Amino acid sequence: MISSPLMTVMVDAVRKATRGLRRDFGEVENLQVSRKGPGDFVSAADRKAEETLRDALMKARPGYSLVLEENGIIEGTDKSHTWHVDPLDGTSNFLHGVPHFAISVGLEREGQIVAGVIFDPIKDELFVAERGKGAYLNNRRLRVSGRQDMADALVGYGTPYLGRGSHPRLLRELGAVMAVAGGTRRMGSAALDLAYVACGRLDGYWERDLQTYDFAAGVILVREAGGYVTSADGAAEPLAARSVASGNEVLHRELLALLKKVQAA
């Protein structure tokens, strides 16, 4: 496991926020839920977790800016550092009692993601990565899958919320991938999809119309696990494009080729 001061700050903040999520998940039917937009819900647990993360990160690094799911952007005095914080990635799963969701925190330094923590509180799986120091699941070093043939690959994808993004485009892309991949999965958490690519559970993953807090931590996890991450259109940095495609070198290249072929059609 990485034992740097930065990682200690991030992990401590995430573990503090986890306590409330675990408790509230056990009482999911009693949560106070408000509607935030079509197909996009926010729970009282979500807001409480974000407040805990915000307070812990601001106390530890007072000058850093924050990009928060619920409370937007908080500008700090240190313009070179920004936290990207998702207190509950997989809210729909959470609200339906599906035990597949995570807390995700990524740190951007001068335009590059340099550290990330993704924690699945139900499975007690802590994914961490820091630039140049590798990626880990609990105490195990991570490497992306070594599969070379798309016919053997399990590929994850994301579905845009109602009113955001293009479902027809996704269906075309999904059709192209399903025609050649061994299998596809839509599990409902971009953070965990990328974490699963980093540890080899998924061989590839793509999604569009994301927010930076959805996948900032996952980007560094995959890269530090030896994988490749770009936008879904192949650009070098996915955060600006708000989309992602990932995998090992071979399958990432094949996935991008499939997505580009759909766009050209």
Protein backbone atom coordinates (compact mmCIF):
# COMPACT_ATOMS: atom_id res chain seq x y z
CA MET A 1 0.00 0.00 0.00
CA ILE A 2 1.12 3.57 -0.64
CA SER A 3 2.07 5.34 2.60
CA SER A 4 2.66 8.91 1.41
CA PRO A 5 1.24 11.89 3.36
CA LEU A 6 -1.07 12.67 0.42
CA MET A 7 -2.50 9.17 0.35
CA THR A 8 -2.99 9.22 4.11
CA VAL A 9 -5.08 12.39 3.77
CA MET A 10 -7.22 10.92 0.99
CA VAL A 11 -7.81 7.55 2.60
CA ASP A 12 -8.65 9.09 5.98
CA ALA A 13 -11.22 11.39 4.36
CA VAL A 14 -12.84 8.53 2.46
CA ARG A 15 -13.03 6.28 5.51
CA LYS A 16 -14.73 9.02 7.52
CA ALA A 17 -17.38 9.42 4.83
CA THR A 18 -17.89 5.67 4.63
CA ARG A 19 -19.40 5.32 8.08
CA GLY A 20 -22.56 7.19 7.20
CA LEU A 21 -22.99 5.48 3.85
CA ARG A 22 -22.82 2.03 5.40
CA ARG A 23 -25.39 2.96 8.01
CA ASP A 24 -27.76 4.56 5.54
CA PHE A 25 -27.46 1.70 3.05
CA GLY A 26 -28.77 -0.57 5.77
CA GLU A 27 -31.86 1.63 5.99
CA VAL A 28 -32.15 2.47 2.30
CA GLU A 29 -35.95 2.34 2.28
CA ASN A 30 -36.15 5.10 4.87
CA LEU A 31 -33.83 7.58 3.14
CA GLN A 32 -35.08 11.05 2.35
CA VAL A 33 -34.74 11.33 -1.41
CA SER A 34 -35.18 14.42 -3.56
CA ARG A 35 -35.38 14.51 -7.34
CA LYS A 36 -32.43 16.31 -8.95
CA GLY A 37 -33.25 15.66 -12.61
CA PRO A 38 -34.68 13.02 -14.92
CA GLY A 39 -33.30 9.66 -13.90
CA ASP A 40 -30.80 11.28 -11.53
CA PHE A 41 -31.52 11.11 -7.80
CA VAL A 42 -29.67 12.36 -4.77
CA SER A 43 -30.10 11.02 -1.26
CA ALA A 44 -29.55 12.45 2.15
CA ALA A 45 -26.68 9.98 2.48
CA ASP A 46 -25.02 11.46 -0.62
CA ARG A 47 -25.09 14.98 0.83
CA LYS A 48 -23.81 13.90 4.24
CA ALA A 49 -20.92 11.98 2.71
CA GLU A 50 -19.94 14.97 0.58
CA GLU A 51 -19.94 17.29 3.58
CA THR A 52 -17.66 14.90 5.45
CA LEU A 53 -15.25 14.62 2.52
CA ARG A 54 -15.24 18.37 1.89
CA ASP A 55 -14.50 19.22 5.52
CA ALA A 56 -11.74 16.61 5.85
CA LEU A 57 -9.99 17.58 2.60
CA MET A 58 -10.23 21.33 3.26
CA LYS A 59 -8.82 20.88 6.75
CA ALA A 60 -5.88 18.83 5.48
CA ARG A 61 -5.15 20.95 2.37
CA PRO A 62 -6.80 24.36 3.04
CA GLY A 63 -5.82 26.03 -0.23
CA TYR A 64 -6.89 23.35 -2.69
CA SER A 65 -9.93 23.84 -4.93
CA LEU A 66 -12.74 21.28 -5.03
CA VAL A 67 -15.10 20.02 -7.73
CA LEU A 68 -18.04 18.46 -5.88
CA GLU A 69 -21.02 16.54 -7.21
CA GLU A 70 -23.62 18.26 -5.06
CA ASN A 71 -22.09 21.66 -4.26
CA GLY A 72 -20.23 22.46 -7.46
CA ILE A 73 -16.86 24.21 -7.54
CA ILE A 74 -15.15 25.68 -4.49
CA GLU A 75 -12.25 27.88 -5.57
CA GLY A 76 -9.12 27.66 -3.42
CA THR A 77 -6.10 29.91 -3.14
CA ASP A 78 -3.83 27.19 -4.58
CA LYS A 79 -4.73 27.28 -8.29
CA SER A 80 -2.53 24.30 -9.18
CA HIS A 81 -4.42 21.69 -7.10
CA THR A 82 -8.04 20.54 -7.38
CA TRP A 83 -9.90 17.71 -5.66
CA HIS A 84 -12.54 15.92 -7.78
CA VAL A 85 -14.98 14.38 -5.31
CA ASP A 86 -17.88 11.98 -5.85
CA PRO A 87 -19.32 11.02 -2.45
CA LEU A 88 -21.56 8.29 -3.87
CA ASP A 89 -20.84 7.01 -7.36
CA GLY A 90 -23.64 4.60 -8.15
CA THR A 91 -26.47 6.50 -6.47
CA SER A 92 -29.19 4.61 -8.36
CA ASN A 93 -27.71 1.30 -7.23
CA PHE A 94 -27.59 2.59 -3.65
CA LEU A 95 -31.20 3.75 -3.66
CA HIS A 96 -32.41 0.44 -5.05
CA GLY A 97 -30.47 -1.60 -2.51
CA VAL A 98 -27.90 -2.83 -5.06
CA PRO A 99 -24.58 -3.26 -3.21
CA HIS A 100 -22.38 -1.77 -5.94
CA PHE A 101 -21.32 1.84 -5.33
CA ALA A 102 -18.24 3.75 -4.22
CA ILE A 103 -16.70 6.92 -2.88
CA SER A 104 -14.24 8.44 -5.36
CA VAL A 105 -11.63 11.17 -4.78
CA GLY A 106 -9.06 12.26 -7.37
CA LEU A 107 -6.41 14.97 -7.10
CA GLU A 108 -5.54 17.09 -10.13
CA ARG A 109 -2.22 18.93 -10.15
CA GLU A 110 -1.60 21.45 -12.93
CA GLY A 111 -4.01 19.69 -15.28
CA GLN A 112 -2.90 16.12 -14.55
CA ILE A 113 -4.53 13.59 -12.21
CA VAL A 114 -1.79 12.54 -9.80
CA ALA A 115 -3.61 10.52 -7.12
CA GLY A 116 -6.87 8.69 -6.69
CA VAL A 117 -8.83 6.71 -4.11
CA ILE A 118 -11.94 4.64 -4.82
CA PHE A 119 -13.56 2.78 -1.93
CA ASP A 120 -16.33 0.19 -2.18
CA PRO A 121 -17.69 0.14 1.38
CA ILE A 122 -19.85 -2.96 0.96
CA LYS A 123 -17.05 -5.20 -0.33
CA ASP A 124 -14.46 -3.36 1.80
CA GLU A 125 -12.27 -2.83 -1.27
CA LEU A 126 -9.92 0.15 -1.22
CA PHE A 127 -8.36 1.05 -4.58
CA VAL A 128 -5.52 3.61 -4.41
CA ALA A 129 -3.00 5.03 -6.85
CA GLU A 130 -0.42 7.79 -6.89
CA ARG A 131 1.63 8.88 -9.87
CA GLY A 132 4.87 6.92 -10.06
CA LYS A 133 3.97 4.72 -7.07
CA GLY A 134 1.65 2.15 -8.60
CA ALA A 135 -1.96 1.11 -8.02
CA TYR A 136 -3.23 -1.14 -5.25
CA LEU A 137 -6.34 -2.96 -4.09
CA ASN A 138 -6.04 -3.13 -0.32
CA ASN A 139 -2.44 -4.44 -0.09
CA ARG A 140 -2.19 -6.08 -3.51
CA ARG A 141 -0.38 -4.42 -6.43
CA LEU A 142 -2.63 -4.10 -9.48
CA ARG A 143 -2.05 -4.84 -13.15
CA VAL A 144 -4.53 -4.54 -15.99
CA SER A 145 -5.67 -7.66 -17.81
CA GLY A 146 -3.23 -9.29 -20.20
CA ARG A 147 -5.87 -10.53 -22.64
CA GLN A 148 -5.06 -9.72 -26.27
CA ASP A 149 -8.17 -10.93 -28.12
CA MET A 150 -11.41 -8.94 -28.02
CA ALA A 151 -13.32 -12.21 -28.40
CA ASP A 152 -12.11 -13.16 -24.90
CA ALA A 153 -12.68 -9.73 -23.38
CA LEU A 154 -15.28 -8.52 -20.90
CA VAL A 155 -15.97 -4.85 -21.68
CA GLY A 156 -17.84 -2.39 -19.46
CA TYR A 157 -19.81 0.65 -20.59
CA GLY A 158 -22.00 3.41 -19.18
CA THR A 159 -25.46 4.61 -20.09
CA PRO A 160 -26.23 8.37 -20.16
CA TYR A 161 -28.93 9.73 -17.88
CA LEU A 162 -32.23 10.68 -19.43
CA GLY A 163 -31.87 14.08 -21.08
CA ARG A 164 -28.06 13.96 -21.08
CA GLY A 165 -26.05 12.37 -23.83
CA SER A 166 -27.10 10.34 -26.83
CA HIS A 167 -28.75 6.97 -26.33
CA PRO A 168 -28.84 6.29 -30.11
CA ARG A 169 -25.05 6.77 -30.30
CA LEU A 170 -24.52 4.46 -27.34
CA LEU A 171 -26.69 1.79 -28.95
CA ARG A 172 -24.65 1.98 -32.15
CA GLU A 173 -21.39 1.76 -30.22
CA LEU A 174 -22.67 -1.05 -28.03
CA GLY A 175 -23.79 -2.98 -31.09
CA ALA A 176 -20.31 -2.68 -32.60
CA VAL A 177 -18.61 -3.84 -29.40
CA MET A 178 -21.07 -6.67 -28.73
CA ALA A 179 -20.45 -8.03 -32.22
CA VAL A 180 -16.82 -8.82 -31.41
CA ALA A 181 -16.38 -8.85 -27.60
CA GLY A 182 -16.71 -11.89 -25.41
CA GLY A 183 -19.17 -10.03 -23.17
CA THR A 184 -20.35 -6.60 -22.04
CA ARG A 185 -21.42 -5.24 -18.66
CA ARG A 186 -23.22 -2.10 -17.47
CA MET A 187 -22.84 -1.98 -13.68
CA GLY A 188 -23.73 1.58 -12.78
CA SER A 189 -20.55 3.09 -11.31
CA ALA A 190 -17.94 4.70 -13.54
CA ALA A 191 -15.45 4.79 -10.66
CA LEU A 192 -15.71 1.07 -10.03
CA ASP A 193 -15.69 0.27 -13.75
CA LEU A 194 -12.28 1.94 -14.03
CA ALA A 195 -11.10 0.31 -10.81
CA TYR A 196 -12.13 -3.04 -12.28
CA VAL A 197 -10.13 -2.34 -15.42
CA ALA A 198 -7.13 -1.55 -13.21
CA CYS A 199 -7.39 -4.89 -11.40
CA GLY A 200 -8.23 -6.96 -14.49
CA ARG A 201 -11.87 -7.76 -13.72
CA LEU A 202 -12.85 -5.83 -16.82
CA ASP A 203 -10.67 -5.86 -19.94
CA GLY A 204 -11.96 -2.54 -21.22
CA TYR A 205 -14.50 0.19 -20.49
CA TRP A 206 -15.90 3.25 -22.21
CA GLU A 207 -18.44 5.94 -21.36
CA ARG A 208 -19.39 9.44 -22.51
CA ASP A 209 -21.08 12.46 -20.93
CA LEU A 210 -19.33 12.07 -17.58
CA GLN A 211 -18.44 14.64 -14.95
CA THR A 212 -14.81 14.87 -13.84
CA TYR A 213 -15.58 13.63 -10.33
CA ASP A 214 -17.06 10.45 -11.85
CA PHE A 215 -13.77 9.21 -13.24
CA ALA A 216 -10.78 11.33 -12.17
CA ALA A 217 -9.61 8.80 -9.58
CA GLY A 218 -10.14 5.92 -12.00
CA VAL A 219 -7.87 7.48 -14.62
CA ILE A 220 -4.80 7.37 -12.41
CA LEU A 221 -5.68 3.88 -11.17
CA VAL A 222 -5.70 2.42 -14.68
CA ARG A 223 -2.53 4.23 -15.74
CA GLU A 224 -0.61 3.19 -12.65
CA ALA A 225 -1.78 -0.39 -13.24
CA GLY A 226 -0.14 -0.33 -16.67
CA GLY A 227 -3.25 0.46 -18.69
CA TYR A 228 -4.21 3.11 -21.20
CA VAL A 229 -6.87 5.80 -20.73
CA THR A 230 -8.02 8.41 -23.25
CA SER A 231 -11.25 10.09 -24.15
CA ALA A 232 -13.72 7.91 -26.06
CA ASP A 233 -12.56 9.71 -29.21
CA GLY A 234 -8.91 8.94 -28.55
CA ALA A 235 -7.64 12.28 -27.23
CA ALA A 236 -4.73 12.21 -24.78
CA GLU A 237 -6.63 13.59 -21.74
CA PRO A 238 -10.17 12.41 -21.00
CA LEU A 239 -11.12 14.99 -18.34
CA ALA A 240 -11.58 17.87 -20.77
CA ALA A 241 -13.64 15.68 -23.12
CA ARG A 242 -15.79 14.27 -20.27
CA SER A 243 -15.50 10.81 -21.77
CA VAL A 244 -13.27 7.79 -21.28
CA ALA A 245 -12.00 4.67 -23.01
CA SER A 246 -9.63 2.32 -21.22
CA GLY A 247 -7.95 -1.07 -21.28
CA ASN A 248 -4.56 -2.64 -21.84
CA GLU A 249 -2.56 -1.41 -24.81
CA VAL A 250 -4.02 -3.86 -27.34
CA LEU A 251 -7.67 -3.84 -26.27
CA HIS A 252 -7.71 -0.09 -25.71
CA ARG A 253 -6.55 0.38 -29.28
CA GLU A 254 -9.18 -2.07 -30.59
CA LEU A 255 -11.93 -0.43 -28.53
CA LEU A 256 -11.06 3.01 -29.90
CA ALA A 257 -11.09 1.63 -33.45
CA LEU A 258 -14.58 0.25 -32.95
CA LEU A 259 -15.89 3.52 -31.54
CA LYS A 260 -14.31 5.54 -34.36
CA LYS A 261 -15.78 3.21 -36.95
CA VAL A 262 -19.26 3.87 -35.57
CA GLN A 263 -18.69 7.65 -35.71
CA ALA A 264 -17.54 7.46 -39.32
CA ALA A 265 -20.52 5.40 -40.43
